[in-house]
Amino acid sequence: MKQFACGDVVPSCGRTFSAPTDDDILVAVAGHARDDHGLSDIPPALVAQVRAAIRAA
């Protein structure tokens, strides 16, 4: 299982995610970025930051 805390990338955000794989985390985070942070396009640099912050649960 993997986990990601959005606050590791966006300090003011307290949302966390858990999923079996990195790709599952990225799908959930993309929806969160769109719905809660207003990002319609996710820049590759942001994806890299999220990937780097994903940890084993």
Protein backbone atom coordinates (compact mmCIF):
# COMPACT_ATOMS: atom_id res chain seq x y z
CA MET A 1 0.00 0.00 0.00
CA LYS A 2 1.16 3.54 -0.81
CA GLN A 3 0.28 6.90 0.70
CA PHE A 4 0.62 10.55 -0.17
CA ALA A 5 -0.05 13.72 1.82
CA CYS A 6 -0.92 16.68 -0.38
CA GLY A 7 0.58 18.95 2.30
CA ASP A 8 4.01 17.60 1.33
CA VAL A 9 3.60 19.49 -1.96
CA VAL A 10 0.97 22.14 -1.08
CA PRO A 11 1.69 23.12 2.55
CA SER A 12 -1.81 24.49 3.25
CA CYS A 13 -3.58 21.25 2.21
CA GLY A 14 -4.40 18.53 4.73
CA ARG A 15 -5.73 15.92 2.28
CA THR A 16 -4.13 12.46 2.31
CA PHE A 17 -4.44 9.51 -0.06
CA SER A 18 -3.87 5.76 0.22
CA ALA A 19 -3.91 3.29 -2.65
CA PRO A 20 -2.23 0.05 -3.72
CA THR A 21 0.02 1.62 -6.38
CA ASP A 22 1.72 4.90 -7.28
CA ASP A 23 -0.47 5.14 -10.39
CA ASP A 24 -3.64 4.79 -8.29
CA ILE A 25 -2.41 7.60 -6.03
CA LEU A 26 -1.70 9.79 -9.08
CA VAL A 27 -5.22 9.26 -10.44
CA ALA A 28 -6.76 10.26 -7.09
CA VAL A 29 -4.42 13.24 -6.69
CA ALA A 30 -5.19 14.46 -10.21
CA GLY A 31 -8.90 14.55 -9.35
CA HIS A 32 -8.15 16.35 -6.08
CA ALA A 33 -5.91 18.88 -7.86
CA ARG A 34 -8.69 19.59 -10.35
CA ASP A 35 -11.60 19.70 -7.88
CA ASP A 36 -9.98 21.29 -4.82
CA HIS A 37 -7.05 23.28 -6.19
CA GLY A 38 -8.51 24.38 -9.55
CA LEU A 39 -5.81 22.80 -11.72
CA SER A 40 -7.23 21.65 -15.04
CA ASP A 41 -3.80 20.71 -16.39
CA ILE A 42 -1.25 19.01 -14.15
CA PRO A 43 2.27 20.13 -15.07
CA PRO A 44 4.90 17.38 -15.36
CA ALA A 45 6.97 19.06 -12.63
CA LEU A 46 4.05 18.74 -10.21
CA VAL A 47 3.59 15.06 -11.11
CA ALA A 48 7.30 14.56 -10.35
CA GLN A 49 6.89 16.27 -6.97
CA VAL A 50 3.93 14.05 -6.12
CA ARG A 51 5.79 10.89 -7.22
CA ALA A 52 8.75 11.88 -5.04
CA ALA A 53 6.46 12.35 -2.01
CA ILE A 54 4.63 8.99 -2.30
CA ARG A 55 5.61 6.69 0.58
CA ALA A 56 5.01 3.08 1.51
CA ALA A 57 2.14 2.86 3.99
